[in-house]
Amino acid sequence: MVAACQPWYSRPCLSSNDPRTADTRRAWAEAADEHLPWSQRVCAVEGVTSHFRDYTDRSDEPQCRAELASELSAALFAHAPVRFDRLQVARIVAVSRIWDTAEVMPYKAKILSRLAELSDDDIEDYRLAPGEVGPAPPKEWLRRLSLYLMTGSNLFLNVAAARQYEVARRARARDDVERRILYNVLAQLFENAVWGHPKRAEDNGSFAMFDLLLRDIDASVLAPYDPLSFDLLVDHLALAGTYAKRFGRGPQTVTLVSRILPRNAAVPACAGQPAACRDLLAAATRAREDAQADLDRLMPTGTGMPSPERTRFEWWVPLIDVPLYGHGVDCRPKRTPEPPPGWTIGERSWRLAHSRLR
């Protein structure tokens, strides 16, 4: 039964002696070595998917990507409740880094969506490894990381089940953190609705999601100022203005935006933040103009310009980088060093030469 459901077993990777998979086998053996120091093993797991070269133009391509996804999934869900430590995080990152090829994308979507749906009871408390720097991240972070990695891939465009899940997850988003992570889901859904016919939108579920977007904007305007929520509000206004007329929601959008404009954006969402109020006023003004514009004069989707004074809130730093790389191990490539004193070639040439030597 298992062999029948796993097509890569007919072209094995980790159990073969194919010279094309030698690097992958060595990398997987290192990633599975329980005797390695924990930080070294974490980096081995995160980088395991980068050791397989592209043979997609060959009919006998070893199915390393699918087999690695299967092995990583088995390790992720080997215990109930699911273990939560830096090694598990590395496995999630590794799953997300598997190339989005046809045979593996549905499997990736299942793994990441399953992780994103785990309850607190399904996840153990975070386990700090010996020598690992704390504090431990909350269980919610594992779900958000999985959702973030899923929405940052090509799964939405290529896997119907992933698209349906992401849209449904956006409809029931619990807070602005999830809405921020899922922002691109709305943007892509709306763009698909007018793909090839920019003046005649086809309802692919986007009309109901647009109405939800307007409700979210209304709630955000009345909520106290928060950097992440405010940044999301400005993006939501740009999205609403771009598609209001195309989706037949021009009047509703204008009515909503008009609650902001008469008071020069002096609303709770930017209270006590003069620069934020100016940005909100600029975003609301543009949204109203776009919602009232003739379709022949409306700018193409994806061409909106942010306010010049706007300082974007780098939301992924506290949500992703700090917990992921703030616990005693950083597997990211090291920055290229500066050229040595007196080096005669240009800095660009130095960096290029250094990258080739690594």
Protein backbone atom coordinates (compact mmCIF):
# COMPACT_ATOMS: atom_id res chain seq x y z
CA MET A 1 0.00 0.00 0.00
CA VAL A 2 2.74 2.46 0.94
CA ALA A 3 4.79 1.70 -2.14
CA ALA A 4 1.74 2.13 -4.34
CA CYS A 5 1.08 5.58 -2.87
CA GLN A 6 4.69 6.78 -2.98
CA PRO A 7 5.78 7.01 -6.64
CA TRP A 8 9.39 7.94 -5.82
CA TYR A 9 10.11 4.45 -4.54
CA SER A 10 10.29 3.30 -8.14
CA ARG A 11 13.15 5.81 -8.58
CA PRO A 12 14.63 5.86 -5.07
CA CYS A 13 16.93 8.52 -3.79
CA LEU A 14 18.10 7.89 -0.24
CA SER A 15 18.32 4.11 -0.62
CA SER A 16 19.90 4.04 -4.09
CA ASN A 17 23.51 3.99 -5.25
CA ASP A 18 22.85 6.51 -8.02
CA PRO A 19 25.87 8.86 -8.16
CA ARG A 20 23.51 11.75 -8.81
CA THR A 21 22.08 11.39 -5.31
CA ALA A 22 25.38 10.88 -3.45
CA ASP A 23 25.44 14.42 -2.04
CA THR A 24 21.82 14.15 -0.96
CA ARG A 25 22.46 10.84 0.81
CA ARG A 26 25.46 12.27 2.64
CA ALA A 27 23.48 15.37 3.65
CA TRP A 28 20.56 13.29 4.89
CA ALA A 29 22.86 11.00 6.89
CA GLU A 30 24.32 14.08 8.59
CA ALA A 31 20.84 15.51 9.24
CA ALA A 32 19.76 12.22 10.83
CA ASP A 33 22.91 11.80 12.95
CA GLU A 34 21.77 12.03 16.57
CA HIS A 35 25.36 12.23 17.78
CA LEU A 36 26.08 15.56 16.13
CA PRO A 37 26.08 18.69 18.31
CA TRP A 38 22.53 20.03 18.23
CA SER A 39 23.42 23.30 16.50
CA GLN A 40 25.32 21.50 13.75
CA ARG A 41 22.46 19.08 13.23
CA VAL A 42 19.94 21.93 13.04
CA CYS A 43 21.90 23.50 10.18
CA ALA A 44 22.30 20.13 8.48
CA VAL A 45 18.51 19.63 8.54
CA GLU A 46 17.74 23.14 7.29
CA GLY A 47 20.14 22.74 4.36
CA VAL A 48 19.44 19.12 3.44
CA THR A 49 17.23 19.98 0.48
CA SER A 50 19.93 22.07 -1.20
CA HIS A 51 22.16 19.09 -2.01
CA PHE A 52 20.15 17.70 -4.90
CA ARG A 53 20.79 19.00 -8.38
CA ASP A 54 18.08 19.64 -10.93
CA TYR A 55 17.35 16.65 -13.16
CA THR A 56 13.76 17.57 -14.06
CA ASP A 57 14.63 17.29 -17.76
CA ARG A 58 15.38 13.57 -17.30
CA SER A 59 12.69 10.90 -17.31
CA ASP A 60 14.67 8.85 -14.79
CA GLU A 61 15.11 11.72 -12.31
CA PRO A 62 15.53 10.35 -8.76
CA GLN A 63 12.60 11.51 -6.63
CA CYS A 64 14.71 13.08 -3.91
CA ARG A 65 12.36 15.99 -3.26
CA ALA A 66 9.33 13.82 -2.64
CA GLU A 67 11.28 11.30 -0.60
CA LEU A 68 12.83 14.03 1.56
CA ALA A 69 9.37 15.51 2.11
CA SER A 70 8.13 12.09 3.23
CA GLU A 71 11.05 11.57 5.63
CA LEU A 72 10.74 15.08 7.08
CA SER A 73 7.00 14.64 7.55
CA ALA A 74 7.51 11.34 9.34
CA ALA A 75 9.99 12.97 11.71
CA LEU A 76 7.74 15.99 12.33
CA PHE A 77 4.74 13.88 13.33
CA ALA A 78 6.61 10.98 14.93
CA HIS A 79 5.32 11.89 18.39
CA ALA A 80 1.94 12.92 19.76
CA PRO A 81 1.78 15.61 20.87
CA VAL A 82 4.17 17.04 18.30
CA ARG A 83 7.58 17.88 19.68
CA PHE A 84 8.56 21.53 19.61
CA ASP A 85 12.25 22.34 19.60
CA ARG A 86 14.80 23.95 17.32
CA LEU A 87 15.31 20.72 15.39
CA GLN A 88 11.59 20.52 14.60
CA VAL A 89 11.69 24.11 13.44
CA ALA A 90 14.58 23.19 11.14
CA ARG A 91 12.47 20.39 9.65
CA ILE A 92 9.63 22.82 8.91
CA VAL A 93 12.08 25.19 7.23
CA ALA A 94 13.51 22.27 5.22
CA VAL A 95 10.03 21.26 3.99
CA SER A 96 9.41 24.79 2.80
CA ARG A 97 12.71 24.84 0.91
CA ILE A 98 11.94 21.77 -1.19
CA TRP A 99 11.53 22.96 -4.75
CA ASP A 100 7.93 23.46 -5.80
CA THR A 101 7.73 20.75 -8.43
CA ALA A 102 4.50 19.05 -9.47
CA GLU A 103 5.05 15.79 -7.60
CA VAL A 104 5.85 17.42 -4.27
CA MET A 105 3.69 20.57 -4.00
CA PRO A 106 0.48 18.81 -2.85
CA TYR A 107 2.49 16.96 -0.21
CA LYS A 108 4.12 20.19 1.02
CA ALA A 109 0.69 21.80 1.28
CA LYS A 110 -0.61 18.93 3.43
CA ILE A 111 2.38 19.05 5.78
CA LEU A 112 2.37 22.83 6.30
CA SER A 113 -1.42 23.14 6.60
CA ARG A 114 -1.52 20.28 9.10
CA LEU A 115 1.11 22.06 11.22
CA ALA A 116 -0.76 25.35 10.95
CA GLU A 117 -3.92 23.69 12.28
CA LEU A 118 -2.40 22.08 15.37
CA SER A 119 -4.00 23.04 18.67
CA ASP A 120 -2.08 23.85 21.81
CA ASP A 121 -2.86 20.36 23.08
CA ASP A 122 -1.27 18.93 19.93
CA ILE A 123 2.07 20.69 20.57
CA GLU A 124 4.51 20.12 23.41
CA ASP A 125 6.05 23.03 25.26
CA TYR A 126 9.24 24.22 23.57
CA ARG A 127 12.31 22.25 24.64
CA LEU A 128 15.53 24.21 24.97
CA ALA A 129 18.56 22.18 23.93
CA PRO A 130 21.61 22.10 26.24
CA GLY A 131 23.30 25.45 25.84
CA GLU A 132 20.46 26.94 23.80
CA VAL A 133 19.63 30.56 24.61
CA GLY A 134 16.06 31.32 25.73
CA PRO A 135 13.38 32.35 26.23
CA ALA A 136 11.35 29.62 24.59
CA PRO A 137 8.86 30.74 21.91
CA PRO A 138 5.14 30.07 22.50
CA LYS A 139 3.30 27.25 20.74
CA GLU A 140 1.49 29.76 18.55
CA TRP A 141 4.78 30.56 16.87
CA LEU A 142 5.06 27.07 15.35
CA ARG A 143 1.65 27.48 13.70
CA ARG A 144 2.46 30.96 12.43
CA LEU A 145 5.80 29.88 11.02
CA SER A 146 4.11 27.04 9.10
CA LEU A 147 1.45 29.38 7.76
CA TYR A 148 4.03 32.00 6.83
CA LEU A 149 6.15 29.48 4.90
CA MET A 150 3.09 28.06 3.15
CA THR A 151 1.80 31.42 1.95
CA GLY A 152 5.27 32.48 0.84
CA SER A 153 5.50 29.62 -1.68
CA ASN A 154 3.96 28.82 -5.05
CA LEU A 155 1.37 26.51 -3.51
CA PHE A 156 -1.49 29.03 -3.79
CA LEU A 157 -1.08 29.27 -7.56
CA ASN A 158 -0.51 25.59 -8.27
CA VAL A 159 -2.41 23.49 -5.73
CA ALA A 160 -6.19 23.87 -5.54
CA ALA A 161 -6.40 22.37 -2.05
CA ALA A 162 -3.75 24.80 -0.77
CA ARG A 163 -5.60 27.72 -2.37
CA GLN A 164 -8.89 26.71 -0.77
CA TYR A 165 -7.24 26.25 2.61
CA GLU A 166 -5.45 29.60 2.56
CA VAL A 167 -8.59 31.50 1.54
CA ALA A 168 -10.63 29.76 4.24
CA ARG A 169 -7.90 30.46 6.79
CA ARG A 170 -7.92 34.14 5.86
CA ALA A 171 -11.70 34.23 6.30
CA ARG A 172 -11.32 33.03 9.90
CA ALA A 173 -8.08 34.83 10.77
CA ARG A 174 -7.99 35.45 14.51
CA ASP A 175 -5.86 38.58 14.67
CA ASP A 176 -3.84 41.05 12.64
CA VAL A 177 -0.76 38.85 12.84
CA GLU A 178 -2.56 36.17 10.83
CA ARG A 179 -4.08 38.77 8.53
CA ARG A 180 -0.61 40.15 7.87
CA ILE A 181 0.77 36.70 7.11
CA LEU A 182 -2.19 35.99 4.81
CA TYR A 183 -2.22 39.37 3.06
CA ASN A 184 -0.81 37.95 -0.17
CA VAL A 185 -3.64 35.42 -0.25
CA LEU A 186 -6.16 38.24 -0.70
CA ALA A 187 -3.95 40.09 -3.17
CA GLN A 188 -3.48 37.00 -5.34
CA LEU A 189 -7.13 35.95 -5.11
CA PHE A 190 -8.26 39.41 -6.24
CA GLU A 191 -5.73 39.51 -9.05
CA ASN A 192 -6.89 36.11 -10.30
CA ALA A 193 -10.46 37.42 -10.45
CA VAL A 194 -9.51 39.97 -13.13
CA TRP A 195 -6.76 38.00 -14.86
CA GLY A 196 -7.11 38.49 -18.62
CA HIS A 197 -10.20 40.69 -18.27
CA PRO A 198 -9.31 43.67 -16.03
CA LYS A 199 -12.68 45.40 -16.45
CA ARG A 200 -14.88 42.35 -15.88
CA ALA A 201 -14.11 40.48 -12.70
CA GLU A 202 -15.15 36.87 -12.32
CA ASP A 203 -16.20 35.91 -8.82
CA ASN A 204 -13.78 33.23 -7.70
CA GLY A 205 -14.76 33.79 -4.09
CA SER A 206 -13.11 37.18 -4.10
CA PHE A 207 -16.33 39.22 -3.78
CA ALA A 208 -17.15 37.77 -0.35
CA MET A 209 -13.52 38.19 0.67
CA PHE A 210 -13.63 41.82 -0.45
CA ASP A 211 -16.66 42.41 1.78
CA LEU A 212 -14.69 40.83 4.62
CA LEU A 213 -11.79 43.15 3.80
CA LEU A 214 -14.06 46.19 4.17
CA ARG A 215 -15.22 44.93 7.58
CA ASP A 216 -11.61 44.44 8.64
CA ILE A 217 -10.74 47.99 7.56
CA ASP A 218 -13.70 49.36 9.50
CA ALA A 219 -12.62 47.52 12.65
CA SER A 220 -8.97 48.52 12.23
CA VAL A 221 -9.80 52.21 11.92
CA LEU A 222 -11.53 52.14 15.31
CA ALA A 223 -8.84 50.07 17.06
CA PRO A 224 -5.99 51.69 19.03
CA TYR A 225 -2.73 52.38 17.21
CA ASP A 226 -0.45 49.39 16.77
CA PRO A 227 2.52 49.39 14.33
CA LEU A 228 1.72 46.05 12.72
CA SER A 229 -2.03 46.70 12.53
CA PHE A 230 -1.49 50.17 11.10
CA ASP A 231 0.85 48.89 8.38
CA LEU A 232 -1.73 46.27 7.48
CA LEU A 233 -4.50 48.88 7.41
CA VAL A 234 -2.61 50.99 4.86
CA ASP A 235 -2.08 47.93 2.65
CA HIS A 236 -5.74 46.94 3.00
CA LEU A 237 -6.85 50.43 1.91
CA ALA A 238 -4.66 50.19 -1.19
CA LEU A 239 -6.13 46.78 -1.99
CA ALA A 240 -9.69 48.01 -1.46
CA GLY A 241 -9.18 51.02 -3.71
CA THR A 242 -7.65 48.93 -6.47
CA TYR A 243 -10.53 46.45 -6.71
CA ALA A 244 -13.60 48.32 -5.43
CA LYS A 245 -14.80 49.45 -8.86
CA ARG A 246 -13.74 46.20 -10.52
CA PHE A 247 -15.80 44.19 -8.02
CA GLY A 248 -18.81 46.51 -8.07
CA ARG A 249 -18.09 47.70 -4.53
CA GLY A 250 -17.29 51.32 -5.30
CA PRO A 251 -20.09 52.98 -3.25
CA GLN A 252 -19.49 50.81 -0.18
CA THR A 253 -15.78 51.54 -0.28
CA VAL A 254 -16.27 55.29 -0.70
CA THR A 255 -18.70 55.32 2.25
CA LEU A 256 -16.22 53.50 4.43
CA VAL A 257 -13.24 55.63 3.45
CA SER A 258 -15.25 58.82 3.93
CA ARG A 259 -15.36 58.11 7.66
CA ILE A 260 -11.61 58.73 7.73
CA LEU A 261 -11.22 61.75 5.45
CA PRO A 262 -13.43 64.47 7.02
CA ARG A 263 -11.46 64.32 10.28
CA ASN A 264 -8.06 64.40 8.58
CA ALA A 265 -7.58 60.79 9.62
CA ALA A 266 -7.78 61.64 13.32
CA VAL A 267 -9.04 58.18 14.20
CA PRO A 268 -7.97 55.73 16.94
CA ALA A 269 -5.86 53.74 14.44
CA CYS A 270 -3.27 56.54 14.35
CA ALA A 271 -4.03 58.43 17.58
CA GLY A 272 -0.93 60.11 18.96
CA GLN A 273 1.07 59.38 15.79
CA PRO A 274 1.05 62.48 13.52
CA ALA A 275 3.15 60.82 10.78
CA ALA A 276 0.87 57.79 10.81
CA CYS A 277 -2.20 60.04 10.48
CA ARG A 278 -0.66 61.69 7.43
CA ASP A 279 0.04 58.29 5.89
CA LEU A 280 -3.48 57.12 6.65
CA LEU A 281 -4.95 60.26 5.12
CA ALA A 282 -2.89 59.74 1.96
CA ALA A 283 -3.90 56.06 1.74
CA ALA A 284 -7.58 56.83 2.31
CA THR A 285 -7.57 59.65 -0.25
CA ARG A 286 -6.08 57.41 -2.88
CA ALA A 287 -8.46 54.57 -2.06
CA ARG A 288 -11.45 56.90 -2.50
CA GLU A 289 -10.11 58.21 -5.81
CA ASP A 290 -9.54 54.69 -7.13
CA ALA A 291 -12.97 53.53 -5.94
CA GLN A 292 -14.59 56.39 -7.90
CA ALA A 293 -12.34 56.31 -10.97
CA ASP A 294 -13.52 55.24 -14.38
CA LEU A 295 -12.19 51.79 -15.22
CA ASP A 296 -10.44 53.16 -18.30
CA ARG A 297 -8.41 55.46 -16.05
CA LEU A 298 -7.85 53.08 -13.18
CA MET A 299 -4.24 52.01 -12.78
CA PRO A 300 -3.39 48.35 -13.39
CA THR A 301 -3.40 46.10 -10.35
CA GLY A 302 -0.18 45.90 -8.42
CA THR A 303 1.01 49.42 -9.29
CA GLY A 304 -0.06 51.27 -6.15
CA MET A 305 2.56 53.54 -4.58
CA PRO A 306 2.93 53.91 -0.80
CA SER A 307 2.99 57.29 0.84
CA PRO A 308 6.51 58.82 0.59
CA GLU A 309 6.59 59.40 4.36
CA ARG A 310 5.55 55.88 5.23
CA THR A 311 8.02 53.82 7.20
CA ARG A 312 7.08 50.20 6.73
CA PHE A 313 6.86 48.03 9.81
CA GLU A 314 9.13 45.04 9.27
CA TRP A 315 6.60 42.62 10.71
CA TRP A 316 8.46 39.41 9.91
CA VAL A 317 11.42 40.35 12.12
CA PRO A 318 9.71 39.82 15.51
CA LEU A 319 7.50 37.03 14.19
CA ILE A 320 10.01 34.95 12.28
CA ASP A 321 13.68 35.91 12.49
CA VAL A 322 14.01 36.52 16.21
CA PRO A 323 12.54 33.21 17.42
CA LEU A 324 14.12 31.30 14.53
CA TYR A 325 17.61 32.73 14.79
CA GLY A 326 17.71 34.02 18.35
CA HIS A 327 18.21 30.68 20.06
CA GLY A 328 21.93 30.09 19.77
CA VAL A 329 22.17 28.89 16.17
CA ASP A 330 22.02 30.79 12.90
CA CYS A 331 22.24 28.69 9.73
CA ARG A 332 21.93 31.58 7.32
CA PRO A 333 24.90 32.17 4.97
CA LYS A 334 27.44 34.47 6.52
CA ARG A 335 27.75 37.95 5.10
CA THR A 336 30.50 38.48 2.55
CA PRO A 337 33.43 40.17 4.32
CA GLU A 338 34.65 43.56 3.29
CA PRO A 339 37.58 43.70 0.83
CA PRO A 340 40.96 43.70 2.57
CA PRO A 341 42.78 47.04 2.85
CA GLY A 342 44.59 48.01 -0.32
CA TRP A 343 42.68 45.54 -2.50
CA THR A 344 42.93 46.78 -6.06
CA ILE A 345 39.81 45.38 -7.69
CA GLY A 346 36.39 46.88 -7.10
CA GLU A 347 34.16 45.82 -4.25
CA ARG A 348 31.71 44.10 -6.62
CA SER A 349 34.52 42.00 -8.10
CA TRP A 350 35.71 41.12 -4.60
CA ARG A 351 32.28 39.93 -3.58
CA LEU A 352 31.90 37.90 -6.77
CA ALA A 353 35.29 36.28 -6.30
CA HIS A 354 34.55 35.52 -2.66
CA SER A 355 31.17 33.95 -3.49
CA ARG A 356 32.85 31.61 -5.99
CA LEU A 357 35.41 30.53 -3.42
CA ARG A 358 32.86 29.60 -0.77
